[in-house]
Amino acid sequence: MRDLLLLTRDLLAPMGSVFVQISDENLHHIREILDEVFGPENFISIIPFRKKTMPLGAKHLESVTDYLLWYARDIDHARFQRLYGYADVQGDSHWNYVELPDGSRRKMTRDEINNHKLLPAGSTVCQLMSLYRLA
């Protein structure tokens, strides 16, 4: 694996990066090799993602995720484009709660939903969502 990663590094453009998919079993080993090949300063992120929806059969806890290790050839030149941007939720009745600067939360008035400038400075607009998934 080390030889393959060395070749990969040599083939990458200065702004290039590499993603390595690995399970939790060998995550620490591959991270050590990637640190050696690319340098720990070029580590960008560990990205977990769900690989199973219904874990069954594990002796203890079944792993439902794999990981992507993201390293850049040169972190100062790495390119990155955000997948998501900020949405304007003003006027959207689904975003009907506010977290106040003191950490308390309350439901917004209709006027506040339609005009976020009415909210106290430092407030965060949010929505309540269920934490469970049906079938």
N, C-alpha and C. Protein backbone atom coordinates (compact mmCIF):
# COMPACT_ATOMS: atom_id res chain seq x y z
N MET A 1 0.84 -1.19 0.00
CA MET A 1 0.00 0.00 0.00
C MET A 1 0.88 1.25 0.00
N ARG A 2 1.97 1.21 0.77
CA ARG A 2 2.87 2.37 0.84
C ARG A 2 3.41 2.71 -0.55
N ASP A 3 3.83 1.70 -1.31
CA ASP A 3 4.38 1.94 -2.65
C ASP A 3 3.33 2.56 -3.57
N LEU A 4 2.10 2.08 -3.47
CA LEU A 4 1.02 2.62 -4.29
C LEU A 4 0.77 4.09 -3.93
N LEU A 5 0.80 4.41 -2.65
CA LEU A 5 0.57 5.79 -2.22
C LEU A 5 1.74 6.70 -2.61
N LEU A 6 2.96 6.17 -2.58
CA LEU A 6 4.11 6.96 -3.05
C LEU A 6 3.96 7.30 -4.52
N LEU A 7 3.56 6.32 -5.32
CA LEU A 7 3.33 6.55 -6.75
C LEU A 7 2.20 7.55 -6.95
N THR A 8 1.15 7.41 -6.19
CA THR A 8 0.01 8.34 -6.27
C THR A 8 0.46 9.76 -5.98
N ARG A 9 1.23 9.94 -4.93
CA ARG A 9 1.73 11.28 -4.58
C ARG A 9 2.56 11.87 -5.71
N ASP A 10 3.42 11.05 -6.30
CA ASP A 10 4.29 11.53 -7.38
C ASP A 10 3.49 11.91 -8.63
N LEU A 11 2.35 11.28 -8.84
CA LEU A 11 1.53 11.57 -10.02
C LEU A 11 0.58 12.75 -9.82
N LEU A 12 0.37 13.14 -8.57
CA LEU A 12 -0.57 14.23 -8.30
C LEU A 12 0.02 15.58 -8.69
N ALA A 13 -0.84 16.44 -9.21
CA ALA A 13 -0.47 17.83 -9.45
C ALA A 13 -0.31 18.52 -8.10
N PRO A 14 0.38 19.65 -8.04
CA PRO A 14 0.56 20.35 -6.75
C PRO A 14 -0.76 20.66 -6.04
N MET A 15 -1.84 20.89 -6.78
CA MET A 15 -3.11 21.19 -6.15
C MET A 15 -3.98 19.93 -5.96
N GLY A 16 -3.41 18.76 -6.26
CA GLY A 16 -4.16 17.51 -6.17
C GLY A 16 -4.31 16.99 -4.76
N SER A 17 -5.24 16.07 -4.60
CA SER A 17 -5.45 15.42 -3.32
C SER A 17 -5.91 13.99 -3.58
N VAL A 18 -5.87 13.18 -2.53
CA VAL A 18 -6.22 11.77 -2.63
C VAL A 18 -7.21 11.42 -1.53
N PHE A 19 -8.14 10.53 -1.86
CA PHE A 19 -9.11 10.01 -0.91
C PHE A 19 -8.89 8.50 -0.82
N VAL A 20 -8.77 7.99 0.39
CA VAL A 20 -8.58 6.55 0.61
C VAL A 20 -9.74 6.06 1.47
N GLN A 21 -10.50 5.08 0.93
CA GLN A 21 -11.62 4.50 1.67
C GLN A 21 -11.11 3.33 2.50
N ILE A 22 -11.51 3.31 3.78
CA ILE A 22 -11.05 2.25 4.68
C ILE A 22 -12.08 2.02 5.77
N SER A 23 -12.12 0.80 6.30
CA SER A 23 -13.02 0.51 7.43
C SER A 23 -12.34 0.95 8.73
N ASP A 24 -13.07 0.85 9.81
CA ASP A 24 -12.51 1.25 11.10
C ASP A 24 -11.42 0.31 11.59
N GLU A 25 -11.38 -0.92 11.06
CA GLU A 25 -10.37 -1.89 11.51
C GLU A 25 -8.95 -1.42 11.23
N ASN A 26 -8.72 -0.85 10.06
CA ASN A 26 -7.36 -0.48 9.65
C ASN A 26 -7.17 1.02 9.47
N LEU A 27 -8.11 1.77 9.93
CA LEU A 27 -8.05 3.23 9.77
C LEU A 27 -6.75 3.80 10.32
N HIS A 28 -6.38 3.40 11.51
CA HIS A 28 -5.18 3.94 12.15
C HIS A 28 -3.90 3.54 11.40
N HIS A 29 -3.86 2.32 10.83
CA HIS A 29 -2.68 1.89 10.08
C HIS A 29 -2.51 2.71 8.80
N ILE A 30 -3.60 2.88 8.07
CA ILE A 30 -3.53 3.64 6.81
C ILE A 30 -3.22 5.10 7.09
N ARG A 31 -3.76 5.62 8.17
CA ARG A 31 -3.46 7.01 8.52
C ARG A 31 -1.96 7.19 8.79
N GLU A 32 -1.33 6.22 9.45
CA GLU A 32 0.11 6.28 9.70
C GLU A 32 0.89 6.29 8.39
N ILE A 33 0.49 5.45 7.45
CA ILE A 33 1.17 5.38 6.15
C ILE A 33 0.96 6.69 5.38
N LEU A 34 -0.27 7.19 5.38
CA LEU A 34 -0.55 8.45 4.67
C LEU A 34 0.22 9.62 5.29
N ASP A 35 0.35 9.63 6.62
CA ASP A 35 1.15 10.66 7.28
C ASP A 35 2.61 10.57 6.83
N GLU A 36 3.11 9.35 6.70
CA GLU A 36 4.49 9.15 6.27
C GLU A 36 4.69 9.61 4.82
N VAL A 37 3.75 9.26 3.94
CA VAL A 37 3.89 9.54 2.51
C VAL A 37 3.59 11.01 2.19
N PHE A 38 2.50 11.55 2.71
CA PHE A 38 2.07 12.91 2.37
C PHE A 38 2.49 13.95 3.41
N GLY A 39 2.81 13.48 4.62
CA GLY A 39 3.13 14.39 5.72
C GLY A 39 1.88 14.71 6.51
N PRO A 40 1.96 14.68 7.84
CA PRO A 40 0.77 14.95 8.66
C PRO A 40 0.21 16.35 8.44
N GLU A 41 1.05 17.27 8.00
CA GLU A 41 0.58 18.64 7.75
C GLU A 41 -0.33 18.72 6.52
N ASN A 42 -0.34 17.68 5.68
CA ASN A 42 -1.19 17.67 4.48
C ASN A 42 -2.48 16.87 4.68
N PHE A 43 -2.73 16.44 5.90
CA PHE A 43 -4.00 15.79 6.24
C PHE A 43 -5.09 16.86 6.21
N ILE A 44 -6.21 16.54 5.55
CA ILE A 44 -7.32 17.50 5.50
C ILE A 44 -8.48 17.05 6.38
N SER A 45 -8.92 15.78 6.24
CA SER A 45 -10.11 15.38 7.00
C SER A 45 -10.31 13.87 6.97
N ILE A 46 -11.02 13.38 7.98
CA ILE A 46 -11.59 12.03 7.96
C ILE A 46 -13.07 12.22 7.73
N ILE A 47 -13.59 11.60 6.67
CA ILE A 47 -14.99 11.77 6.30
C ILE A 47 -15.71 10.44 6.51
N PRO A 48 -16.55 10.33 7.55
CA PRO A 48 -17.31 9.10 7.74
C PRO A 48 -18.52 9.07 6.80
N PHE A 49 -18.86 7.89 6.32
CA PHE A 49 -20.09 7.77 5.54
C PHE A 49 -20.73 6.43 5.83
N ARG A 50 -22.04 6.42 5.73
CA ARG A 50 -22.82 5.22 6.06
C ARG A 50 -22.74 4.23 4.92
N LYS A 51 -22.38 2.98 5.24
CA LYS A 51 -22.29 1.94 4.22
C LYS A 51 -23.39 0.90 4.35
N LYS A 52 -24.05 0.86 5.50
CA LYS A 52 -25.12 -0.11 5.73
C LYS A 52 -26.31 0.60 6.35
N THR A 53 -27.48 0.08 6.07
CA THR A 53 -28.65 0.66 6.72
C THR A 53 -29.16 -0.22 7.86
N MET A 54 -28.89 -1.51 7.81
CA MET A 54 -29.42 -2.41 8.83
C MET A 54 -28.34 -3.38 9.27
N PRO A 55 -27.52 -3.01 10.28
CA PRO A 55 -26.47 -3.91 10.72
C PRO A 55 -27.05 -5.11 11.46
N LEU A 56 -26.57 -6.28 11.12
CA LEU A 56 -27.02 -7.51 11.76
C LEU A 56 -25.83 -8.45 11.93
N GLY A 57 -25.83 -9.21 13.00
CA GLY A 57 -24.90 -10.31 13.14
C GLY A 57 -23.58 -10.01 13.83
N ALA A 58 -23.35 -8.84 14.32
CA ALA A 58 -22.08 -8.56 15.00
C ALA A 58 -22.11 -9.12 16.41
N LYS A 59 -20.94 -9.50 16.88
CA LYS A 59 -20.84 -10.00 18.24
C LYS A 59 -21.09 -8.89 19.26
N HIS A 60 -20.58 -7.70 18.97
CA HIS A 60 -20.77 -6.57 19.87
C HIS A 60 -21.55 -5.48 19.13
N LEU A 61 -20.86 -4.45 18.70
CA LEU A 61 -21.51 -3.39 17.91
C LEU A 61 -21.05 -3.51 16.47
N GLU A 62 -21.99 -3.53 15.57
CA GLU A 62 -21.66 -3.61 14.15
C GLU A 62 -21.32 -2.23 13.62
N SER A 63 -20.27 -2.17 12.85
CA SER A 63 -19.89 -0.91 12.21
C SER A 63 -20.80 -0.67 11.01
N VAL A 64 -21.33 0.53 10.92
CA VAL A 64 -22.19 0.87 9.78
C VAL A 64 -21.53 1.92 8.90
N THR A 65 -20.29 2.29 9.22
CA THR A 65 -19.63 3.33 8.44
C THR A 65 -18.27 2.86 7.93
N ASP A 66 -17.86 3.45 6.84
CA ASP A 66 -16.49 3.42 6.36
C ASP A 66 -16.00 4.85 6.44
N TYR A 67 -14.73 5.03 6.14
CA TYR A 67 -14.13 6.35 6.26
C TYR A 67 -13.34 6.68 5.00
N LEU A 68 -13.37 7.94 4.65
CA LEU A 68 -12.52 8.46 3.59
C LEU A 68 -11.46 9.32 4.28
N LEU A 69 -10.20 8.97 4.06
CA LEU A 69 -9.10 9.79 4.54
C LEU A 69 -8.70 10.71 3.40
N TRP A 70 -8.67 12.00 3.66
CA TRP A 70 -8.39 12.99 2.62
C TRP A 70 -7.06 13.67 2.91
N TYR A 71 -6.14 13.50 2.00
CA TYR A 71 -4.81 14.13 2.09
C TYR A 71 -4.55 14.91 0.82
N ALA A 72 -3.84 16.01 0.97
CA ALA A 72 -3.44 16.83 -0.17
C ALA A 72 -1.96 16.59 -0.46
N ARG A 73 -1.59 16.77 -1.71
CA ARG A 73 -0.15 16.75 -2.01
C ARG A 73 0.51 17.94 -1.32
N ASP A 74 -0.15 19.10 -1.39
CA ASP A 74 0.31 20.31 -0.70
C ASP A 74 -0.93 21.06 -0.23
N ILE A 75 -1.18 21.04 1.06
CA ILE A 75 -2.42 21.58 1.61
C ILE A 75 -2.61 23.06 1.28
N ASP A 76 -1.52 23.79 1.10
CA ASP A 76 -1.64 25.22 0.77
C ASP A 76 -2.15 25.45 -0.65
N HIS A 77 -2.06 24.44 -1.50
CA HIS A 77 -2.52 24.57 -2.89
C HIS A 77 -3.73 23.70 -3.21
N ALA A 78 -4.22 22.95 -2.23
CA ALA A 78 -5.34 22.03 -2.47
C ALA A 78 -6.59 22.80 -2.86
N ARG A 79 -7.32 22.24 -3.79
CA ARG A 79 -8.58 22.85 -4.23
C ARG A 79 -9.74 22.19 -3.52
N PHE A 80 -10.72 23.01 -3.20
CA PHE A 80 -11.89 22.51 -2.49
C PHE A 80 -13.08 23.38 -2.87
N GLN A 81 -14.17 22.74 -3.19
CA GLN A 81 -15.38 23.48 -3.51
C GLN A 81 -16.49 22.98 -2.61
N ARG A 82 -17.08 23.87 -1.85
CA ARG A 82 -18.15 23.49 -0.94
C ARG A 82 -19.35 22.94 -1.70
N LEU A 83 -19.94 21.88 -1.14
CA LEU A 83 -21.11 21.28 -1.76
C LEU A 83 -22.37 22.06 -1.42
N TYR A 84 -22.36 22.68 -0.26
CA TYR A 84 -23.55 23.36 0.20
C TYR A 84 -23.24 24.82 0.48
N GLY A 85 -24.21 25.65 0.27
CA GLY A 85 -24.09 27.06 0.62
C GLY A 85 -25.15 27.41 1.63
N TYR A 86 -25.08 28.61 2.13
CA TYR A 86 -26.09 29.06 3.09
C TYR A 86 -27.40 29.32 2.34
N ALA A 87 -28.48 28.89 2.92
CA ALA A 87 -29.80 29.10 2.33
C ALA A 87 -30.48 30.27 3.04
N ASP A 88 -31.23 31.01 2.29
CA ASP A 88 -32.02 32.08 2.88
C ASP A 88 -33.36 31.48 3.30
N VAL A 89 -33.54 31.31 4.60
CA VAL A 89 -34.75 30.66 5.11
C VAL A 89 -35.76 31.67 5.65
N GLN A 90 -35.47 32.93 5.46
CA GLN A 90 -36.43 33.95 5.91
C GLN A 90 -37.75 33.76 5.18
N GLY A 91 -38.84 33.70 5.91
CA GLY A 91 -40.16 33.50 5.33
C GLY A 91 -40.56 32.04 5.22
N ASP A 92 -39.63 31.11 5.48
CA ASP A 92 -39.92 29.67 5.42
C ASP A 92 -40.46 29.23 6.78
N SER A 93 -41.72 28.83 6.83
CA SER A 93 -42.37 28.51 8.11
C SER A 93 -41.81 27.23 8.75
N HIS A 94 -41.02 26.44 8.01
CA HIS A 94 -40.40 25.26 8.61
C HIS A 94 -39.28 25.67 9.57
N TRP A 95 -38.66 26.82 9.31
CA TRP A 95 -37.59 27.35 10.16
C TRP A 95 -38.24 28.32 11.14
N ASN A 96 -38.86 27.75 12.17
CA ASN A 96 -39.72 28.56 13.04
C ASN A 96 -39.25 28.62 14.49
N TYR A 97 -38.01 28.24 14.75
CA TYR A 97 -37.45 28.36 16.09
C TYR A 97 -36.21 29.23 16.05
N VAL A 98 -35.90 29.82 17.18
CA VAL A 98 -34.70 30.65 17.28
C VAL A 98 -33.94 30.23 18.54
N GLU A 99 -32.62 30.14 18.39
CA GLU A 99 -31.76 29.94 19.56
C GLU A 99 -31.18 31.30 19.90
N LEU A 100 -31.44 31.74 21.11
CA LEU A 100 -31.01 33.06 21.55
C LEU A 100 -29.56 33.01 22.04
N PRO A 101 -28.91 34.15 22.14
CA PRO A 101 -27.50 34.18 22.55
C PRO A 101 -27.23 33.50 23.89
N ASP A 102 -28.21 33.44 24.78
CA ASP A 102 -28.01 32.77 26.07
C ASP A 102 -28.17 31.26 25.99
N GLY A 103 -28.49 30.72 24.78
CA GLY A 103 -28.63 29.28 24.59
C GLY A 103 -30.06 28.77 24.69
N SER A 104 -30.97 29.62 25.13
CA SER A 104 -32.38 29.20 25.21
C SER A 104 -32.99 29.21 23.81
N ARG A 105 -34.04 28.42 23.65
CA ARG A 105 -34.73 28.35 22.36
C ARG A 105 -36.21 28.64 22.55
N ARG A 106 -36.79 29.22 21.52
CA ARG A 106 -38.23 29.50 21.56
C ARG A 106 -38.76 29.51 20.13
N LYS A 107 -40.07 29.37 20.03
CA LYS A 107 -40.73 29.46 18.73
C LYS A 107 -40.78 30.93 18.31
N MET A 108 -40.56 31.19 17.03
CA MET A 108 -40.60 32.56 16.53
C MET A 108 -42.04 32.97 16.23
N THR A 109 -42.26 34.25 16.28
CA THR A 109 -43.55 34.79 15.86
C THR A 109 -43.59 34.79 14.33
N ARG A 110 -44.76 34.92 13.77
CA ARG A 110 -44.90 34.98 12.30
C ARG A 110 -44.09 36.15 11.73
N ASP A 111 -44.13 37.29 12.43
CA ASP A 111 -43.36 38.46 11.97
C ASP A 111 -41.86 38.15 11.97
N GLU A 112 -41.37 37.45 13.00
CA GLU A 112 -39.95 37.11 13.07
C GLU A 112 -39.56 36.12 11.96
N ILE A 113 -40.45 35.17 11.65
CA ILE A 113 -40.18 34.22 10.56
C ILE A 113 -40.00 34.98 9.25
N ASN A 114 -40.82 35.98 9.04
CA ASN A 114 -40.78 36.74 7.79
C ASN A 114 -39.74 37.85 7.77
N ASN A 115 -39.20 38.20 8.95
CA ASN A 115 -38.20 39.26 9.00
C ASN A 115 -37.21 38.95 10.13
N HIS A 116 -36.10 38.31 9.79
CA HIS A 116 -35.13 37.90 10.80
C HIS A 116 -34.42 39.08 11.46
N LYS A 117 -34.56 40.27 10.90
CA LYS A 117 -33.95 41.44 11.53
C LYS A 117 -34.63 41.79 12.85
N LEU A 118 -35.81 41.23 13.08
CA LEU A 118 -36.52 41.46 14.33
C LEU A 118 -35.95 40.63 15.49
N LEU A 119 -35.11 39.63 15.16
CA LEU A 119 -34.54 38.76 16.18
C LEU A 119 -33.39 39.47 16.89
N PRO A 120 -33.15 39.13 18.15
CA PRO A 120 -32.03 39.73 18.88
C PRO A 120 -30.69 39.42 18.20
N ALA A 121 -29.74 40.33 18.29
CA ALA A 121 -28.41 40.12 17.71
C ALA A 121 -27.79 38.86 18.29
N GLY A 122 -27.14 38.06 17.44
CA GLY A 122 -26.49 36.84 17.89
C GLY A 122 -27.40 35.63 17.94
N SER A 123 -28.64 35.77 17.48
CA SER A 123 -29.58 34.65 17.45
C SER A 123 -29.32 33.75 16.24
N THR A 124 -29.71 32.48 16.37
CA THR A 124 -29.56 31.52 15.28
C THR A 124 -30.93 30.93 14.97
N VAL A 125 -31.33 31.04 13.72
CA VAL A 125 -32.61 30.47 13.27
C VAL A 125 -32.41 28.96 13.10
N CYS A 126 -33.39 28.17 13.55
CA CYS A 126 -33.28 26.72 13.43
C CYS A 126 -34.66 26.10 13.27
N GLN A 127 -34.66 24.79 13.04
CA GLN A 127 -35.91 24.05 12.97
C GLN A 127 -35.76 22.78 13.77
N LEU A 128 -36.84 22.32 14.34
CA LEU A 128 -36.82 21.06 15.08
C LEU A 128 -37.04 19.92 14.10
N MET A 129 -36.25 18.86 14.26
CA MET A 129 -36.37 17.70 13.38
C MET A 129 -36.38 16.44 14.22
N SER A 130 -37.09 15.45 13.77
CA SER A 130 -37.14 14.17 14.44
C SER A 130 -35.80 13.47 14.31
N LEU A 131 -35.38 12.77 15.36
CA LEU A 131 -34.12 12.03 15.34
C LEU A 131 -34.31 10.56 15.03
N TYR A 132 -35.50 10.14 14.68
CA TYR A 132 -35.72 8.76 14.34
C TYR A 132 -36.18 8.65 12.90
N ARG A 133 -35.99 7.48 12.37
CA ARG A 133 -36.35 7.24 10.96
C ARG A 133 -37.35 6.08 10.92
N LEU A 134 -38.41 6.30 10.19
CA LEU A 134 -39.41 5.24 10.03
C LEU A 134 -39.03 4.35 8.85
N ALA A 135 -39.10 3.07 9.07
CA ALA A 135 -38.81 2.04 8.07
C ALA A 135 -38.07 2.62 6.95
